[in-house]
């Protein structure tokens, strides 16, 4: 069965590669980018490489929560449903450390943005066929500082990245309990893949970008993952595994959700 699939951060890297792989099978693909020219180019490239014309793009700056809300409004107005949401967009290095609201950009893009977007698109996901949500975590996971999350404490780039990825894993497991009619999986797509993000951060890579794209493809549509909601797939190990212990602490998850909702509702 053909699916309607939305992949955030899909103008390059593993998001774009996964989009091409899925488009080749005839699925309807929605790409996302923050630059209009790059988004248009990605759409044309995915169409050409997949021979699939059912490719559309949506524009939003994920450092700006208002921009995400506007994109979600557009999608809710234009689309009837979404079967699969892949929250792939992420940032490590950035030319600015904070967004316009004084929040760390890694927390915003890697955590707050997918939380907000998923919530805003929930009406479309509820109309989807066996809906799945795939959230991009990381092998790098570190206990979340509420002061750092709310912009009251400055921490290192590495630390904010790791904290944002643990926060996303915690939220994924919480959401899987709330939305029992969907499959929600957190995934480490692989450490130091050959992507722009890894090159900018470390100047090297361990594995090809295809390794990450292939697991996104598999988690999105393979039947063998449809019973794995609320789980964490570690693509370094090639299997389901345990995330950071905090990801299973109900008190920490509840506290994180309260702070997250306050931030999102305040924007």
Protein backbone atom coordinates (compact mmCIF):
# COMPACT_ATOMS: atom_id res chain seq x y z
CA UNK A 1 0.00 0.00 0.00
CA UNK A 2 1.31 3.44 -0.95
CA UNK A 3 1.93 5.79 1.95
CA UNK A 4 1.93 9.55 2.45
CA UNK A 5 5.24 10.36 4.12
CA UNK A 6 6.55 13.63 5.55
CA UNK A 7 10.30 13.85 6.22
CA UNK A 8 11.64 16.94 7.96
CA UNK A 9 15.13 18.20 7.16
CA UNK A 10 15.08 16.44 3.80
CA UNK A 11 16.93 18.80 1.46
CA UNK A 12 20.18 16.92 2.09
CA UNK A 13 21.73 14.14 4.18
CA UNK A 14 19.93 11.00 5.24
CA UNK A 15 16.54 12.69 5.03
CA UNK A 16 16.93 13.31 1.31
CA UNK A 17 18.38 9.84 0.67
CA UNK A 18 15.48 8.23 2.54
CA UNK A 19 13.04 10.36 0.54
CA UNK A 20 14.52 9.12 -2.75
CA UNK A 21 14.42 5.50 -1.59
CA UNK A 22 10.78 5.78 -0.50
CA UNK A 23 9.77 7.76 -3.58
CA UNK A 24 11.18 5.04 -5.84
CA UNK A 25 8.51 2.73 -4.45
CA UNK A 26 5.75 5.14 -5.42
CA UNK A 27 4.96 6.65 -2.04
CA UNK A 28 3.80 10.26 -1.85
CA UNK A 29 6.59 12.28 -0.25
CA UNK A 30 6.50 15.67 1.45
CA UNK A 31 9.94 17.23 1.81
CA UNK A 32 10.81 19.98 4.26
CA UNK A 33 13.52 22.62 4.19
CA UNK A 34 14.23 26.07 5.54
CA UNK A 35 15.64 27.51 2.32
CA UNK A 36 13.26 27.94 -0.63
CA UNK A 37 15.91 27.43 -3.31
CA UNK A 38 17.34 24.30 -1.67
CA UNK A 39 13.85 22.91 -1.19
CA UNK A 40 12.93 23.44 -4.85
CA UNK A 41 16.19 21.80 -5.93
CA UNK A 42 15.61 18.82 -3.62
CA UNK A 43 12.08 18.34 -4.97
CA UNK A 44 13.33 18.28 -8.55
CA UNK A 45 16.17 15.89 -7.67
CA UNK A 46 13.90 13.46 -5.82
CA UNK A 47 11.44 13.51 -8.71
CA UNK A 48 14.18 12.89 -11.27
CA UNK A 49 15.92 10.09 -9.35
CA UNK A 50 12.71 8.30 -8.39
CA UNK A 51 10.59 8.94 -11.50
CA UNK A 52 7.84 9.89 -9.05
CA UNK A 53 5.95 13.15 -9.49
CA UNK A 54 4.10 12.90 -6.16
CA UNK A 55 6.69 15.01 -4.36
CA UNK A 56 5.79 18.23 -2.58
CA UNK A 57 7.74 20.62 -0.36
CA UNK A 58 6.98 22.60 2.77
CA UNK A 59 9.06 25.48 4.10
CA UNK A 60 9.78 26.31 7.74
CA UNK A 61 12.65 27.56 9.87
CA UNK A 62 12.86 25.06 12.72
CA UNK A 63 14.61 27.58 14.99
CA UNK A 64 11.36 29.57 14.92
CA UNK A 65 8.36 27.90 16.57
CA UNK A 66 5.97 30.34 14.88
CA UNK A 67 7.32 29.25 11.49
CA UNK A 68 6.60 25.62 12.38
CA UNK A 69 3.03 26.47 13.36
CA UNK A 70 2.50 28.27 10.08
CA UNK A 71 3.79 25.30 8.06
CA UNK A 72 1.56 22.94 10.04
CA UNK A 73 -1.46 25.15 9.36
CA UNK A 74 -0.69 25.01 5.66
CA UNK A 75 -0.39 21.24 5.73
CA UNK A 76 -3.62 20.80 7.67
CA UNK A 77 -5.38 22.96 5.08
CA UNK A 78 -3.89 21.20 2.06
CA UNK A 79 -3.63 17.53 3.04
CA UNK A 80 -6.18 14.92 4.05
CA UNK A 81 -3.85 12.69 6.05
CA UNK A 82 -0.25 11.70 6.84
CA UNK A 83 0.68 8.05 7.27
CA UNK A 84 4.29 8.48 8.33
CA UNK A 85 6.12 11.39 9.96
CA UNK A 86 9.91 11.18 10.13
CA UNK A 87 11.22 13.86 12.48
CA UNK A 88 14.68 13.94 10.92
CA UNK A 89 15.64 17.64 10.99
CA UNK A 90 18.53 18.30 13.33
CA UNK A 91 21.39 20.66 14.04
CA UNK A 92 24.75 20.37 15.76
CA UNK A 93 26.94 23.30 14.77
CA UNK A 94 25.23 26.59 14.03
CA UNK A 95 26.31 30.14 13.26
CA UNK A 96 24.22 31.24 16.22
CA UNK A 97 23.78 29.60 19.57
CA UNK A 98 20.29 30.92 20.40
CA UNK A 99 17.08 31.61 18.52
CA UNK A 100 15.09 34.85 18.65
CA UNK A 101 13.49 33.75 21.93
CA UNK A 102 16.84 33.16 23.63
CA UNK A 103 16.60 29.37 23.48
CA UNK A 104 19.50 27.11 22.52
CA UNK A 105 19.06 26.28 18.82
CA UNK A 106 19.90 22.61 19.36
CA UNK A 107 17.11 22.22 21.89
CA UNK A 108 14.74 24.07 19.57
CA UNK A 109 15.50 22.24 16.31
CA UNK A 110 16.24 18.78 17.72
CA UNK A 111 13.56 18.62 20.40
CA UNK A 112 11.01 21.42 20.66
CA UNK A 113 10.39 21.59 16.90
CA UNK A 114 9.45 17.91 16.47
CA UNK A 115 7.29 18.03 19.62
CA UNK A 116 5.39 21.05 18.35
CA UNK A 117 5.15 19.84 14.76
CA UNK A 118 3.90 16.39 15.73
CA UNK A 119 1.26 17.90 17.98
CA UNK A 120 0.12 20.31 15.27
CA UNK A 121 -0.04 17.51 12.67
CA UNK A 122 -1.79 15.03 14.95
CA UNK A 123 -5.18 15.54 13.22
CA UNK A 124 -3.61 14.40 9.93
CA UNK A 125 -1.75 11.52 11.57
CA UNK A 126 -4.94 10.27 13.21
CA UNK A 127 -6.45 10.01 9.75
CA UNK A 128 -3.43 8.10 8.47
CA UNK A 129 -3.32 4.39 7.68
CA UNK A 130 -1.41 2.62 10.50
CA UNK A 131 0.39 5.88 11.30
CA UNK A 132 4.02 5.84 12.35
CA UNK A 133 6.23 8.52 13.85
CA UNK A 134 9.99 8.04 13.62
CA UNK A 135 12.04 10.36 15.85
CA UNK A 136 15.76 10.87 15.24
CA UNK A 137 17.65 10.39 18.46
CA UNK A 138 21.38 9.74 18.79
CA UNK A 139 23.96 7.61 20.56
CA UNK A 140 24.83 10.88 22.31
CA UNK A 141 22.30 11.26 25.14
CA UNK A 142 22.83 13.25 28.32
CA UNK A 143 20.58 14.18 31.30
CA UNK A 144 18.47 17.22 30.49
CA UNK A 145 19.13 20.47 32.33
CA UNK A 146 15.88 22.40 32.69
CA UNK A 147 17.87 25.61 32.97
CA UNK A 148 19.57 24.91 29.65
CA UNK A 149 16.29 23.93 28.00
CA UNK A 150 14.64 27.20 29.05
CA UNK A 151 17.63 29.30 27.97
CA UNK A 152 18.70 30.24 31.49
CA UNK A 153 22.00 28.36 31.35
CA UNK A 154 24.67 28.26 28.67
CA UNK A 155 26.18 24.82 28.03
CA UNK A 156 28.55 23.42 25.41
CA UNK A 157 27.48 22.50 21.91
CA UNK A 158 28.16 18.81 22.54
CA UNK A 159 26.19 18.85 25.77
CA UNK A 160 23.17 20.68 24.38
CA UNK A 161 23.07 18.31 21.40
CA UNK A 162 23.20 15.23 23.64
CA UNK A 163 20.58 16.67 26.01
CA UNK A 164 18.25 17.54 23.13
CA UNK A 165 18.47 14.00 21.80
CA UNK A 166 17.70 12.44 25.17
CA UNK A 167 14.77 14.84 25.56
CA UNK A 168 13.40 13.64 22.20
CA UNK A 169 13.74 10.01 23.27
CA UNK A 170 11.94 10.72 26.56
CA UNK A 171 9.13 12.45 24.70
CA UNK A 172 8.91 9.61 22.16
CA UNK A 173 8.30 7.04 24.86
CA UNK A 174 5.72 9.29 26.54
CA UNK A 175 3.90 9.85 23.24
CA UNK A 176 3.80 6.12 22.54
CA UNK A 177 1.83 5.65 25.75
CA UNK A 178 -0.55 8.47 24.85
CA UNK A 179 -1.15 7.53 21.21
CA UNK A 180 -1.84 3.81 21.37
CA UNK A 181 -3.15 3.71 17.80
CA UNK A 182 0.21 4.71 16.31
CA UNK A 183 3.72 3.27 16.12
CA UNK A 184 6.29 5.64 17.60
CA UNK A 185 9.97 4.73 17.49
CA UNK A 186 13.10 6.63 18.50
CA UNK A 187 16.20 5.79 16.48
CA UNK A 188 19.91 6.42 16.53
CA UNK A 189 20.47 6.30 12.76
CA UNK A 190 24.19 5.67 13.22
CA UNK A 191 27.14 7.52 14.66
CA UNK A 192 29.26 9.80 12.47
CA UNK A 193 27.52 9.11 9.20
CA UNK A 194 28.92 10.76 6.08
CA UNK A 195 26.66 13.82 6.24
CA UNK A 196 27.11 17.57 6.25
CA UNK A 197 26.33 17.68 9.98
CA UNK A 198 29.05 15.17 10.88
CA UNK A 199 31.60 16.82 8.60
CA UNK A 200 30.97 20.24 10.13
CA UNK A 201 31.07 18.84 13.66
CA UNK A 202 33.96 16.39 13.50
CA UNK A 203 35.52 16.59 10.05
CA UNK A 204 35.30 12.82 9.64
CA UNK A 205 32.85 9.95 9.36
CA UNK A 206 32.59 6.26 10.26
CA UNK A 207 29.83 5.05 7.96
CA UNK A 208 28.05 6.04 4.76
CA UNK A 209 24.96 8.21 4.87
CA UNK A 210 23.08 5.32 3.25
CA UNK A 211 23.30 3.44 6.55
CA UNK A 212 21.10 6.09 8.16
CA UNK A 213 18.77 6.45 5.19
CA UNK A 214 18.23 2.70 5.01
CA UNK A 215 17.12 2.40 8.63
CA UNK A 216 14.71 5.34 8.25
CA UNK A 217 13.23 3.60 5.20
CA UNK A 218 12.91 0.32 7.07
CA UNK A 219 11.42 1.78 10.25
CA UNK A 220 8.93 3.77 8.20
CA UNK A 221 7.38 0.97 6.16
CA UNK A 222 8.64 -2.48 7.16
CA UNK A 223 6.01 -4.74 8.69
CA UNK A 224 8.49 -6.15 11.21
CA UNK A 225 8.58 -2.85 13.11
CA UNK A 226 4.83 -2.33 13.45
CA UNK A 227 4.73 -3.88 16.95
CA UNK A 228 7.74 -1.94 18.25
CA UNK A 229 6.12 1.27 19.44
CA UNK A 230 7.78 2.95 22.39
CA UNK A 231 11.15 1.36 21.57
CA UNK A 232 14.63 2.67 20.76
CA UNK A 233 16.48 1.32 17.72
CA UNK A 234 20.26 1.65 17.88
CA UNK A 235 21.60 1.44 14.33
CA UNK A 236 25.17 1.24 15.60
CA UNK A 237 24.23 -2.14 17.03
CA UNK A 238 21.70 -2.91 14.31
CA UNK A 239 19.01 -3.79 16.81
CA UNK A 240 16.58 -2.48 19.40
CA UNK A 241 18.35 -1.47 22.57
CA UNK A 242 18.04 0.59 25.73
CA UNK A 243 18.18 4.37 25.55
CA UNK A 244 19.60 6.45 28.41
CA UNK A 245 18.05 5.41 31.77
CA UNK A 246 16.37 8.83 32.13
CA UNK A 247 14.24 8.00 29.09
CA UNK A 248 12.30 5.53 31.24
CA UNK A 249 11.96 7.67 34.38
CA UNK A 250 8.31 8.71 34.60
CA UNK A 251 8.97 11.57 37.03
CA UNK A 252 11.67 13.06 34.81
CA UNK A 253 9.47 12.65 31.75
CA UNK A 254 6.54 14.37 33.44
CA UNK A 255 8.73 17.28 34.55
CA UNK A 256 10.18 17.59 31.05
CA UNK A 257 6.71 17.61 29.50
CA UNK A 258 5.51 20.37 31.80
CA UNK A 259 8.46 22.60 30.93
CA UNK A 260 8.15 21.77 27.24
CA UNK A 261 4.45 22.67 27.18
CA UNK A 262 5.15 25.95 28.96
CA UNK A 263 7.77 26.88 26.37
CA UNK A 264 5.64 25.91 23.39
CA UNK A 265 2.48 27.58 24.68
CA UNK A 266 4.44 30.71 25.52
CA UNK A 267 5.34 31.16 21.86
